[in-house]
């Protein structure tokens, strides 16, 4: 198989496009011919400085494709099934061997490229808002980095749940586009003060719930922007900055909950499976929208990662083997 690999962590230029042995099918697993890879924020962070579980290493959490082979113990999947799969690593390749239980059937009529960008993005956003964020209708949600994969999912899900949705982005153009996905008010974090704008838009109260995939100084801004007894779902460190100062929580009796969908999938597999299957069905019915920004060939994984890190993307960036 072909794969985008690296032998050491670092900038996008560490990628090499190489031929690797085809993956073997495990008794409880499947082998997938990958058709689309949705690059996750965690993929770029792993490439920058994560652990190399293999060498050469194939990074990547999620991909969609067609099942080529099933293991002897697998009864609920068959060759030819269209699936999207999550995995600890290995998505940046033309094939992947994964546990059958980490695959989700792609509903009839749903484009497989759209399906490739659903489980982690929408599942993470759903958990940030509901399982851990306890969102109630009528509350105000602030979504940091609203133009990202998780951000766009959170904006849509919060709006559908009856919340007032504030979102941040780096350009006026991105904020204008976010309106069509349910954003009520936008905040340009490059030209406006996040805390001042949030307080102005909420009448001085602050946001009831904040979804923060950025971390660092942005997380400190979330603490300053959250309402009394408000909640923050902290879901990433896209800023690559150091540990935030969370001391401002005390005066507000507010909470920060770290959210990691991968851990929840392992601890509460049945709940997560039902949630993700429903999200895939909602996307297939057009009730939720997957936003794709650009497609790159797998051979240009370096270019795709560099583009994501430029923060120019609106929605998900795909690699196509």
C-alpha atoms as a PDB file:
ATOM      1  CA  UNK A   1       0.000   0.000   0.000  1.00  0.00           C
ATOM      2  CA  UNK A   2       0.953   3.646  -0.362  1.00  0.00           C
ATOM      3  CA  UNK A   3       1.221   5.788   2.757  1.00  0.00           C
ATOM      4  CA  UNK A   4       2.321   9.204   3.974  1.00  0.00           C
ATOM      5  CA  UNK A   5       4.897   8.329   6.623  1.00  0.00           C
ATOM      6  CA  UNK A   6       7.490  10.014   8.777  1.00  0.00           C
ATOM      7  CA  UNK A   7      10.521   8.813  10.672  1.00  0.00           C
ATOM      8  CA  UNK A   8      10.731  11.712  13.090  1.00  0.00           C
ATOM      9  CA  UNK A   9       8.269  14.314  14.298  1.00  0.00           C
ATOM     10  CA  UNK A  10       8.389  17.921  13.178  1.00  0.00           C
ATOM     11  CA  UNK A  11       7.094  20.284  10.505  1.00  0.00           C
ATOM     12  CA  UNK A  12       4.897  19.019   7.629  1.00  0.00           C
ATOM     13  CA  UNK A  13       8.060  18.523   5.582  1.00  0.00           C
ATOM     14  CA  UNK A  14       8.842  15.347   7.593  1.00  0.00           C
ATOM     15  CA  UNK A  15       6.283  13.451   5.475  1.00  0.00           C
ATOM     16  CA  UNK A  16       7.508  10.929   2.920  1.00  0.00           C
ATOM     17  CA  UNK A  17       5.266   9.138   0.405  1.00  0.00           C
ATOM     18  CA  UNK A  18       6.296   5.499   0.433  1.00  0.00           C
ATOM     19  CA  UNK A  19       5.257   1.940  -0.325  1.00  0.00           C
ATOM     20  CA  UNK A  20       4.563  -0.164   2.776  1.00  0.00           C
ATOM     21  CA  UNK A  21       3.461  -3.792   3.163  1.00  0.00           C
ATOM     22  CA  UNK A  22      -0.300  -4.256   2.956  1.00  0.00           C
ATOM     23  CA  UNK A  23      -1.844  -4.500   6.437  1.00  0.00           C
ATOM     24  CA  UNK A  24      -2.900  -7.905   7.733  1.00  0.00           C
ATOM     25  CA  UNK A  25      -6.490  -8.634   8.718  1.00  0.00           C
ATOM     26  CA  UNK A  26      -6.911  -9.590  12.374  1.00  0.00           C
ATOM     27  CA  UNK A  27      -9.542 -12.169  13.474  1.00  0.00           C
ATOM     28  CA  UNK A  28     -11.784  -9.473  14.963  1.00  0.00           C
ATOM     29  CA  UNK A  29     -10.972  -6.815  12.401  1.00  0.00           C
ATOM     30  CA  UNK A  30     -11.387  -5.659   8.839  1.00  0.00           C
ATOM     31  CA  UNK A  31      -9.108  -4.305   6.140  1.00  0.00           C
ATOM     32  CA  UNK A  32     -10.346  -1.169   4.390  1.00  0.00           C
ATOM     33  CA  UNK A  33      -9.436   0.251   1.000  1.00  0.00           C
ATOM     34  CA  UNK A  34      -9.384   3.913   1.986  1.00  0.00           C
ATOM     35  CA  UNK A  35     -11.125   6.443  -0.236  1.00  0.00           C
ATOM     36  CA  UNK A  36     -11.024   9.577   1.929  1.00  0.00           C
ATOM     37  CA  UNK A  37      -9.051  10.691   4.983  1.00  0.00           C
ATOM     38  CA  UNK A  38     -10.340  13.558   7.134  1.00  0.00           C
ATOM     39  CA  UNK A  39      -7.324  15.205   8.750  1.00  0.00           C
ATOM     40  CA  UNK A  40      -7.933  15.871  12.434  1.00  0.00           C
ATOM     41  CA  UNK A  41      -6.339  18.562  14.548  1.00  0.00           C
ATOM     42  CA  UNK A  42      -4.821  15.791  16.624  1.00  0.00           C
ATOM     43  CA  UNK A  43      -3.132  14.423  13.501  1.00  0.00           C
ATOM     44  CA  UNK A  44      -1.152  17.634  13.075  1.00  0.00           C
ATOM     45  CA  UNK A  45      -0.237  17.713  16.762  1.00  0.00           C
ATOM     46  CA  UNK A  46       0.958  14.096  16.657  1.00  0.00           C
ATOM     47  CA  UNK A  47       3.037  14.804  13.584  1.00  0.00           C
ATOM     48  CA  UNK A  48       4.567  17.805  15.312  1.00  0.00           C
ATOM     49  CA  UNK A  49       5.623  16.043  18.503  1.00  0.00           C
ATOM     50  CA  UNK A  50       3.677  12.882  19.300  1.00  0.00           C
ATOM     51  CA  UNK A  51       4.903   9.399  20.052  1.00  0.00           C
ATOM     52  CA  UNK A  52       5.981   7.221  17.134  1.00  0.00           C
ATOM     53  CA  UNK A  53       4.116   3.980  17.792  1.00  0.00           C
ATOM     54  CA  UNK A  54       5.686   2.562  14.618  1.00  0.00           C
ATOM     55  CA  UNK A  55       8.653   3.499  12.459  1.00  0.00           C
ATOM     56  CA  UNK A  56       8.031   4.605   9.823  1.00  0.00           C
ATOM     57  CA  UNK A  57       4.889   6.024  11.373  1.00  0.00           C
ATOM     58  CA  UNK A  58       1.508   6.477   9.699  1.00  0.00           C
ATOM     59  CA  UNK A  59      -0.442   9.112  11.568  1.00  0.00           C
ATOM     60  CA  UNK A  60      -4.208   9.646  11.509  1.00  0.00           C
ATOM     61  CA  UNK A  61      -7.395   9.020  13.487  1.00  0.00           C
ATOM     62  CA  UNK A  62     -10.116   8.639  10.865  1.00  0.00           C
ATOM     63  CA  UNK A  63     -10.806   7.514   7.292  1.00  0.00           C
ATOM     64  CA  UNK A  64     -13.599   6.108   5.147  1.00  0.00           C
ATOM     65  CA  UNK A  65     -13.571   3.473   2.444  1.00  0.00           C
ATOM     66  CA  UNK A  66     -14.655   0.026   1.287  1.00  0.00           C
ATOM     67  CA  UNK A  67     -14.085  -3.159   3.270  1.00  0.00           C
ATOM     68  CA  UNK A  68     -11.784  -5.499   1.366  1.00  0.00           C
ATOM     69  CA  UNK A  69     -11.476  -8.330   3.915  1.00  0.00           C
ATOM     70  CA  UNK A  70     -13.067  -9.355   7.223  1.00  0.00           C
ATOM     71  CA  UNK A  71     -11.604 -11.440  10.021  1.00  0.00           C
ATOM     72  CA  UNK A  72     -12.790 -14.906  11.006  1.00  0.00           C
ATOM     73  CA  UNK A  73     -14.694 -13.644  14.062  1.00  0.00           C
ATOM     74  CA  UNK A  74     -16.465 -10.764  12.305  1.00  0.00           C
ATOM     75  CA  UNK A  75     -20.169 -11.332  11.627  1.00  0.00           C
ATOM     76  CA  UNK A  76     -21.574  -7.816  11.224  1.00  0.00           C
ATOM     77  CA  UNK A  77     -19.380  -6.607   8.346  1.00  0.00           C
ATOM     78  CA  UNK A  78     -18.660  -7.998   4.882  1.00  0.00           C
ATOM     79  CA  UNK A  79     -16.440  -7.187   1.916  1.00  0.00           C
ATOM     80  CA  UNK A  80     -17.936  -4.327  -0.087  1.00  0.00           C
ATOM     81  CA  UNK A  81     -19.444  -2.516   2.912  1.00  0.00           C
ATOM     82  CA  UNK A  82     -18.886   1.239   2.903  1.00  0.00           C
ATOM     83  CA  UNK A  83     -17.591   2.294   6.315  1.00  0.00           C
ATOM     84  CA  UNK A  84     -15.944   5.133   8.172  1.00  0.00           C
ATOM     85  CA  UNK A  85     -13.443   4.046  10.807  1.00  0.00           C
ATOM     86  CA  UNK A  86     -11.670   5.583  13.751  1.00  0.00           C
ATOM     87  CA  UNK A  87      -8.239   4.366  14.811  1.00  0.00           C
ATOM     88  CA  UNK A  88      -5.357   5.313  17.137  1.00  0.00           C
ATOM     89  CA  UNK A  89      -3.119   5.876  14.091  1.00  0.00           C
ATOM     90  CA  UNK A  90      -2.845   4.743  10.485  1.00  0.00           C
ATOM     91  CA  UNK A  91      -5.365   6.754   8.472  1.00  0.00           C
ATOM     92  CA  UNK A  92      -2.834   8.477   6.176  1.00  0.00           C
ATOM     93  CA  UNK A  93      -2.601   5.476   3.853  1.00  0.00           C
ATOM     94  CA  UNK A  94      -4.388   3.713   1.013  1.00  0.00           C
ATOM     95  CA  UNK A  95      -5.349   0.792   3.274  1.00  0.00           C
ATOM     96  CA  UNK A  96      -5.964   0.270   6.983  1.00  0.00           C
ATOM     97  CA  UNK A  97      -6.483  -2.709   9.296  1.00  0.00           C
ATOM     98  CA  UNK A  98      -8.844  -1.795  12.135  1.00  0.00           C
ATOM     99  CA  UNK A  99     -11.059  -3.470  14.707  1.00  0.00           C
ATOM    100  CA  UNK A 100     -14.508  -4.194  13.332  1.00  0.00           C
ATOM    101  CA  UNK A 101     -15.997  -2.408  16.341  1.00  0.00           C
ATOM    102  CA  UNK A 102     -14.350   0.852  15.337  1.00  0.00           C
ATOM    103  CA  UNK A 103     -16.142   0.977  11.980  1.00  0.00           C
ATOM    104  CA  UNK A 104     -19.495   2.600  11.230  1.00  0.00           C
ATOM    105  CA  UNK A 105     -21.608   1.761   8.186  1.00  0.00           C
ATOM    106  CA  UNK A 106     -22.063   4.699   5.839  1.00  0.00           C
ATOM    107  CA  UNK A 107     -25.798   5.229   5.228  1.00  0.00           C
ATOM    108  CA  UNK A 108     -27.097   4.710   1.709  1.00  0.00           C
ATOM    109  CA  UNK A 109     -26.964   7.923  -0.280  1.00  0.00           C
ATOM    110  CA  UNK A 110     -24.305   9.582   1.884  1.00  0.00           C
ATOM    111  CA  UNK A 111     -21.159  10.528  -0.031  1.00  0.00           C
ATOM    112  CA  UNK A 112     -18.238   8.612   1.441  1.00  0.00           C
ATOM    113  CA  UNK A 113     -16.093  11.768   1.479  1.00  0.00           C
ATOM    114  CA  UNK A 114     -18.649  13.468   3.710  1.00  0.00           C
ATOM    115  CA  UNK A 115     -18.872  10.405   5.943  1.00  0.00           C
ATOM    116  CA  UNK A 116     -15.094  10.549   6.415  1.00  0.00           C
ATOM    117  CA  UNK A 117     -15.557  13.761   8.412  1.00  0.00           C
ATOM    118  CA  UNK A 118     -18.348  12.777  10.803  1.00  0.00           C
ATOM    119  CA  UNK A 119     -17.467  10.518  13.785  1.00  0.00           C
ATOM    120  CA  UNK A 120     -14.679  12.466  15.488  1.00  0.00           C
ATOM    121  CA  UNK A 121     -15.906  15.932  14.495  1.00  0.00           C
ATOM    122  CA  UNK A 122     -19.591  15.595  15.266  1.00  0.00           C
ATOM    123  CA  UNK A 123     -19.133  13.064  18.060  1.00  0.00           C
ATOM    124  CA  UNK A 124     -16.693  15.347  19.849  1.00  0.00           C
ATOM    125  CA  UNK A 125     -18.945  18.368  19.419  1.00  0.00           C
ATOM    126  CA  UNK A 126     -21.959  16.404  20.648  1.00  0.00           C
ATOM    127  CA  UNK A 127     -20.149  15.291  23.792  1.00  0.00           C
ATOM    128  CA  UNK A 128     -18.855  18.809  24.440  1.00  0.00           C
ATOM    129  CA  UNK A 129     -22.365  20.193  24.262  1.00  0.00           C
ATOM    130  CA  UNK A 130     -24.541  17.510  25.807  1.00  0.00           C
ATOM    131  CA  UNK A 131     -22.811  14.636  27.604  1.00  0.00           C
ATOM    132  CA  UNK A 132     -20.307  16.872  29.406  1.00  0.00           C
ATOM    133  CA  UNK A 133     -21.605  20.390  28.671  1.00  0.00           C
ATOM    134  CA  UNK A 134     -25.206  19.718  29.820  1.00  0.00           C
ATOM    135  CA  UNK A 135     -26.577  22.236  27.326  1.00  0.00           C
ATOM    136  CA  UNK A 136     -30.185  23.312  27.848  1.00  0.00           C
ATOM    137  CA  UNK A 137     -32.493  25.042  25.335  1.00  0.00           C
ATOM    138  CA  UNK A 138     -32.308  28.809  25.600  1.00  0.00           C
ATOM    139  CA  UNK A 139     -28.746  28.909  26.906  1.00  0.00           C
ATOM    140  CA  UNK A 140     -25.930  30.791  25.214  1.00  0.00           C
ATOM    141  CA  UNK A 141     -23.032  28.802  23.771  1.00  0.00           C
ATOM    142  CA  UNK A 142     -19.696  30.263  22.704  1.00  0.00           C
ATOM    143  CA  UNK A 143     -17.802  28.121  20.190  1.00  0.00           C
ATOM    144  CA  UNK A 144     -14.126  28.957  19.872  1.00  0.00           C
ATOM    145  CA  UNK A 145     -12.643  28.363  16.389  1.00  0.00           C
ATOM    146  CA  UNK A 146     -16.076  28.061  14.834  1.00  0.00           C
ATOM    147  CA  UNK A 147     -14.672  27.446  11.356  1.00  0.00           C
ATOM    148  CA  UNK A 148     -12.895  24.223  12.302  1.00  0.00           C
ATOM    149  CA  UNK A 149     -14.289  20.718  11.982  1.00  0.00           C
ATOM    150  CA  UNK A 150     -15.424  20.438  15.610  1.00  0.00           C
ATOM    151  CA  UNK A 151     -16.431  24.107  15.677  1.00  0.00           C
ATOM    152  CA  UNK A 152     -18.758  23.843  12.682  1.00  0.00           C
ATOM    153  CA  UNK A 153     -20.335  20.718  14.129  1.00  0.00           C
ATOM    154  CA  UNK A 154     -20.823  22.413  17.506  1.00  0.00           C
ATOM    155  CA  UNK A 155     -22.412  25.494  15.942  1.00  0.00           C
ATOM    156  CA  UNK A 156     -24.956  23.342  14.105  1.00  0.00           C
ATOM    157  CA  UNK A 157     -25.746  21.042  17.019  1.00  0.00           C
ATOM    158  CA  UNK A 158     -26.112  23.910  19.490  1.00  0.00           C
ATOM    159  CA  UNK A 159     -28.383  25.859  17.163  1.00  0.00           C
ATOM    160  CA  UNK A 160     -30.507  22.754  16.563  1.00  0.00           C
ATOM    161  CA  UNK A 161     -30.862  22.354  20.338  1.00  0.00           C
ATOM    162  CA  UNK A 162     -32.312  25.829  20.704  1.00  0.00           C
ATOM    163  CA  UNK A 163     -29.247  27.692  21.971  1.00  0.00           C
ATOM    164  CA  UNK A 164     -28.059  31.167  21.117  1.00  0.00           C
ATOM    165  CA  UNK A 165     -24.741  30.534  19.384  1.00  0.00           C
ATOM    166  CA  UNK A 166     -21.732  32.827  19.504  1.00  0.00           C
ATOM    167  CA  UNK A 167     -18.642  31.777  17.573  1.00  0.00           C
ATOM    168  CA  UNK A 168     -15.131  33.060  16.960  1.00  0.00           C
ATOM    169  CA  UNK A 169     -13.147  33.056  13.733  1.00  0.00           C
ATOM    170  CA  UNK A 170     -10.181  34.905  12.285  1.00  0.00           C
ATOM    171  CA  UNK A 171     -11.872  36.646   9.356  1.00  0.00           C
ATOM    172  CA  UNK A 172     -15.064  38.482   8.516  1.00  0.00           C
ATOM    173  CA  UNK A 173     -15.607  36.058   5.629  1.00  0.00           C
ATOM    174  CA  UNK A 174     -15.568  33.003   7.907  1.00  0.00           C
ATOM    175  CA  UNK A 175     -18.009  34.641  10.306  1.00  0.00           C
ATOM    176  CA  UNK A 176     -20.373  35.453   7.449  1.00  0.00           C
ATOM    177  CA  UNK A 177     -20.303  31.838   6.336  1.00  0.00           C
ATOM    178  CA  UNK A 178     -20.964  30.583   9.879  1.00  0.00           C
ATOM    179  CA  UNK A 179     -24.341  32.337   9.891  1.00  0.00           C
ATOM    180  CA  UNK A 180     -25.733  29.779   7.449  1.00  0.00           C
ATOM    181  CA  UNK A 181     -24.921  26.992   9.925  1.00  0.00           C
ATOM    182  CA  UNK A 182     -26.766  28.537  12.870  1.00  0.00           C
ATOM    183  CA  UNK A 183     -24.407  31.099  14.410  1.00  0.00           C
ATOM    184  CA  UNK A 184     -26.288  33.991  15.994  1.00  0.00           C
ATOM    185  CA  UNK A 185     -23.386  36.397  16.568  1.00  0.00           C
ATOM    186  CA  UNK A 186     -19.780  36.230  15.397  1.00  0.00           C
ATOM    187  CA  UNK A 187     -16.610  37.503  17.048  1.00  0.00           C
ATOM    188  CA  UNK A 188     -13.447  38.179  15.033  1.00  0.00           C
ATOM    189  CA  UNK A 189     -10.736  37.310  17.528  1.00  0.00           C
ATOM    190  CA  UNK A 190      -8.108  39.168  15.508  1.00  0.00           C
ATOM    191  CA  UNK A 191      -9.889  42.530  15.546  1.00  0.00           C
ATOM    192  CA  UNK A 192     -12.137  42.349  18.624  1.00  0.00           C
ATOM    193  CA  UNK A 193     -11.627  41.651  22.305  1.00  0.00           C
ATOM    194  CA  UNK A 194     -13.227  38.262  22.969  1.00  0.00           C
ATOM    195  CA  UNK A 195     -14.252  38.969  26.553  1.00  0.00           C
ATOM    196  CA  UNK A 196     -15.651  42.424  25.855  1.00  0.00           C
ATOM    197  CA  UNK A 197     -17.660  41.183  22.873  1.00  0.00           C
ATOM    198  CA  UNK A 198     -19.001  38.151  24.717  1.00  0.00           C
ATOM    199  CA  UNK A 199     -20.101  40.282  27.638  1.00  0.00           C
ATOM    200  CA  UNK A 200     -21.676  42.846  25.320  1.00  0.00           C
ATOM    201  CA  UNK A 201     -23.592  40.195  23.405  1.00  0.00           C
ATOM    202  CA  UNK A 202     -24.810  38.502  26.601  1.00  0.00           C
ATOM    203  CA  UNK A 203     -25.754  41.657  28.491  1.00  0.00           C
ATOM    204  CA  UNK A 204     -22.777  41.293  30.822  1.00  0.00           C
ATOM    205  CA  UNK A 205     -23.659  37.759  31.894  1.00  0.00           C
ATOM    206  CA  UNK A 206     -21.232  35.677  29.854  1.00  0.00           C
ATOM    207  CA  UNK A 207     -21.779  32.414  27.983  1.00  0.00           C
ATOM    208  CA  UNK A 208     -23.461  29.519  29.790  1.00  0.00           C
ATOM    209  CA  UNK A 209     -21.323  26.974  27.933  1.00  0.00           C
ATOM    210  CA  UNK A 210     -18.108  27.371  25.964  1.00  0.00           C
ATOM    211  CA  UNK A 211     -16.610  24.816  23.570  1.00  0.00           C
ATOM    212  CA  UNK A 212     -12.861  25.407  23.393  1.00  0.00           C
ATOM    213  CA  UNK A 213     -10.663  23.338  21.047  1.00  0.00           C
ATOM    214  CA  UNK A 214      -7.869  25.920  21.124  1.00  0.00           C
ATOM    215  CA  UNK A 215      -6.458  25.959  24.669  1.00  0.00           C
ATOM    216  CA  UNK A 216      -3.648  28.259  25.807  1.00  0.00           C
ATOM    217  CA  UNK A 217      -4.520  31.948  25.888  1.00  0.00           C
ATOM    218  CA  UNK A 218      -7.845  31.201  24.199  1.00  0.00           C
ATOM    219  CA  UNK A 219      -8.801  29.006  27.165  1.00  0.00           C
ATOM    220  CA  UNK A 220      -7.973  31.878  29.493  1.00  0.00           C
ATOM    221  CA  UNK A 221     -10.301  33.993  27.363  1.00  0.00           C
ATOM    222  CA  UNK A 222     -12.975  31.328  27.747  1.00  0.00           C
ATOM    223  CA  UNK A 223     -12.618  31.448  31.532  1.00  0.00           C
ATOM    224  CA  UNK A 224     -13.045  35.217  31.468  1.00  0.00           C
ATOM    225  CA  UNK A 225     -16.052  34.933  29.133  1.00  0.00           C
ATOM    226  CA  UNK A 226     -18.009  32.203  30.920  1.00  0.00           C
ATOM    227  CA  UNK A 227     -21.057  33.035  33.023  1.00  0.00           C
ATOM    228  CA  UNK A 228     -21.388  32.507  36.763  1.00  0.00           C
ATOM    229  CA  UNK A 229     -21.682  28.743  37.307  1.00  0.00           C
ATOM    230  CA  UNK A 230     -21.003  28.305  33.599  1.00  0.00           C
ATOM    231  CA  UNK A 231     -19.275  25.339  31.965  1.00  0.00           C
ATOM    232  CA  UNK A 232     -16.346  25.039  29.594  1.00  0.00           C
ATOM    233  CA  UNK A 233     -15.743  21.932  27.479  1.00  0.00           C
ATOM    234  CA  UNK A 234     -12.016  21.980  26.721  1.00  0.00           C
ATOM    235  CA  UNK A 235     -11.338  19.674  23.823  1.00  0.00           C
ATOM    236  CA  UNK A 236      -7.910  20.433  22.452  1.00  0.00           C
ATOM    237  CA  UNK A 237      -4.745  22.481  22.305  1.00  0.00           C
ATOM    238  CA  UNK A 238      -4.743  23.726  18.730  1.00  0.00           C
ATOM    239  CA  UNK A 239      -2.894  26.856  19.857  1.00  0.00           C
ATOM    240  CA  UNK A 240       0.111  24.729  20.897  1.00  0.00           C
ATOM    241  CA  UNK A 241       0.637  27.111  23.772  1.00  0.00           C
ATOM    242  CA  UNK A 242       1.442  26.240  27.362  1.00  0.00           C
ATOM    243  CA  UNK A 243      -0.894  25.495  30.241  1.00  0.00           C
ATOM    244  CA  UNK A 244      -3.566  28.138  30.734  1.00  0.00           C
ATOM    245  CA  UNK A 245      -4.153  30.013  33.994  1.00  0.00           C
ATOM    246  CA  UNK A 246      -7.566  28.810  35.183  1.00  0.00           C
ATOM    247  CA  UNK A 247      -7.640  30.818  38.407  1.00  0.00           C
ATOM    248  CA  UNK A 248     -10.574  32.892  37.188  1.00  0.00           C
ATOM    249  CA  UNK A 249     -12.892  29.910  37.634  1.00  0.00           C
ATOM    250  CA  UNK A 250     -13.015  30.295  41.398  1.00  0.00           C
ATOM    251  CA  UNK A 251     -14.829  33.634  41.497  1.00  0.00           C
ATOM    252  CA  UNK A 252     -17.493  32.272  39.157  1.00  0.00           C
ATOM    253  CA  UNK A 253     -17.934  28.778  40.590  1.00  0.00           C
ATOM    254  CA  UNK A 254     -17.427  27.724  36.988  1.00  0.00           C
ATOM    255  CA  UNK A 255     -16.066  24.423  35.684  1.00  0.00           C
ATOM    256  CA  UNK A 256     -13.733  23.205  32.947  1.00  0.00           C
ATOM    257  CA  UNK A 257     -14.169  19.633  31.733  1.00  0.00           C
ATOM    258  CA  UNK A 258     -11.565  18.013  29.531  1.00  0.00           C
ATOM    259  CA  UNK A 259     -13.279  16.139  26.695  1.00  0.00           C
ATOM    260  CA  UNK A 260     -11.582  13.342  24.731  1.00  0.00           C
ATOM    261  CA  UNK A 261     -13.883  11.287  22.538  1.00  0.00           C
ATOM    262  CA  UNK A 262     -11.339   8.493  22.146  1.00  0.00           C
ATOM    263  CA  UNK A 263     -11.371   7.762  25.868  1.00  0.00           C
ATOM    264  CA  UNK A 264     -15.153   7.885  25.959  1.00  0.00           C
ATOM    265  CA  UNK A 265     -15.379   5.461  23.032  1.00  0.00           C
ATOM    266  CA  UNK A 266     -13.324   2.980  25.020  1.00  0.00           C
ATOM    267  CA  UNK A 267     -15.172   3.488  28.313  1.00  0.00           C
ATOM    268  CA  UNK A 268     -18.741   3.758  26.984  1.00  0.00           C
ATOM    269  CA  UNK A 269     -18.669   2.076  23.606  1.00  0.00           C
ATOM    270  CA  UNK A 270     -22.394   1.407  23.277  1.00  0.00           C
ATOM    271  CA  UNK A 271     -23.384   4.999  24.018  1.00  0.00           C
ATOM    272  CA  UNK A 272     -20.827   6.415  21.594  1.00  0.00           C
ATOM    273  CA  UNK A 273     -21.769   3.972  18.839  1.00  0.00           C
ATOM    274  CA  UNK A 274     -25.454   4.902  19.059  1.00  0.00           C
ATOM    275  CA  UNK A 275     -24.571   8.613  19.073  1.00  0.00           C
ATOM    276  CA  UNK A 276     -22.274   8.423  16.034  1.00  0.00           C
ATOM    277  CA  UNK A 277     -24.664   6.220  14.055  1.00  0.00           C
ATOM    278  CA  UNK A 278     -27.405   8.792  14.676  1.00  0.00           C
ATOM    279  CA  UNK A 279     -25.114  11.639  13.625  1.00  0.00           C
ATOM    280  CA  UNK A 280     -24.269   9.817  10.393  1.00  0.00           C
ATOM    281  CA  UNK A 281     -27.985   9.324   9.777  1.00  0.00           C
ATOM    282  CA  UNK A 282     -28.652  13.026  10.422  1.00  0.00           C
ATOM    283  CA  UNK A 283     -25.951  14.014   7.928  1.00  0.00           C
ATOM    284  CA  UNK A 284     -27.385  11.569   5.382  1.00  0.00           C
ATOM    285  CA  UNK A 285     -30.833  13.164   5.818  1.00  0.00           C
ATOM    286  CA  UNK A 286     -29.412  16.665   5.396  1.00  0.00           C
ATOM    287  CA  UNK A 287     -30.225  17.720   8.954  1.00  0.00           C
ATOM    288  CA  UNK A 288     -26.521  18.380   9.626  1.00  0.00           C
ATOM    289  CA  UNK A 289     -23.934  19.574   7.138  1.00  0.00           C
ATOM    290  CA  UNK A 290     -20.362  18.401   6.666  1.00  0.00           C
ATOM    291  CA  UNK A 291     -18.289  21.279   5.332  1.00  0.00           C
ATOM    292  CA  UNK A 292     -15.299  20.281   3.191  1.00  0.00           C
ATOM    293  CA  UNK A 293     -12.710  22.914   2.411  1.00  0.00           C
ATOM    294  CA  UNK A 294     -10.085  21.324   0.154  1.00  0.00           C
ATOM    295  CA  UNK A 295      -8.865  17.941  -1.057  1.00  0.00           C
ATOM    296  CA  UNK A 296      -5.210  16.994  -1.405  1.00  0.00           C
ATOM    297  CA  UNK A 297      -3.725  13.809  -2.842  1.00  0.00           C
ATOM    298  CA  UNK A 298      -2.280  11.506  -0.205  1.00  0.00           C
ATOM    299  CA  UNK A 299       1.108  12.071  -1.807  1.00  0.00           C
ATOM    300  CA  UNK A 300       0.871  15.719  -0.705  1.00  0.00           C
ATOM    301  CA  UNK A 301       0.115  15.125   2.974  1.00  0.00           C
ATOM    302  CA  UNK A 302       2.763  17.741   3.754  1.00  0.00           C
ATOM    303  CA  UNK A 303       0.881  20.357   1.762  1.00  0.00           C
ATOM    304  CA  UNK A 304      -2.411  19.447   3.406  1.00  0.00           C
ATOM    305  CA  UNK A 305      -0.981  19.687   6.924  1.00  0.00           C
ATOM    306  CA  UNK A 306       0.723  22.999   6.094  1.00  0.00           C
ATOM    307  CA  UNK A 307      -2.571  24.362   4.752  1.00  0.00           C
ATOM    308  CA  UNK A 308      -4.399  23.390   7.948  1.00  0.00           C
ATOM    309  CA  UNK A 309      -1.716  24.987  10.074  1.00  0.00           C
ATOM    310  CA  UNK A 310      -2.049  28.225   8.097  1.00  0.00           C
ATOM    311  CA  UNK A 311      -5.558  28.497   9.620  1.00  0.00           C
ATOM    312  CA  UNK A 312      -6.986  29.322   6.204  1.00  0.00           C
ATOM    313  CA  UNK A 313      -9.324  26.314   6.127  1.00  0.00           C
ATOM    314  CA  UNK A 314     -13.056  26.540   6.756  1.00  0.00           C
ATOM    315  CA  UNK A 315     -14.255  23.032   7.543  1.00  0.00           C
ATOM    316  CA  UNK A 316     -12.387  19.781   6.974  1.00  0.00           C
ATOM    317  CA  UNK A 317      -9.432  19.097   4.715  1.00  0.00           C
ATOM    318  CA  UNK A 318      -9.341  15.662   3.049  1.00  0.00           C
ATOM    319  CA  UNK A 319      -6.561  13.481   1.742  1.00  0.00           C
ATOM    320  CA  UNK A 320      -7.479  11.259  -1.207  1.00  0.00           C
ATOM    321  CA  UNK A 321      -5.344   8.128  -1.834  1.00  0.00           C
END
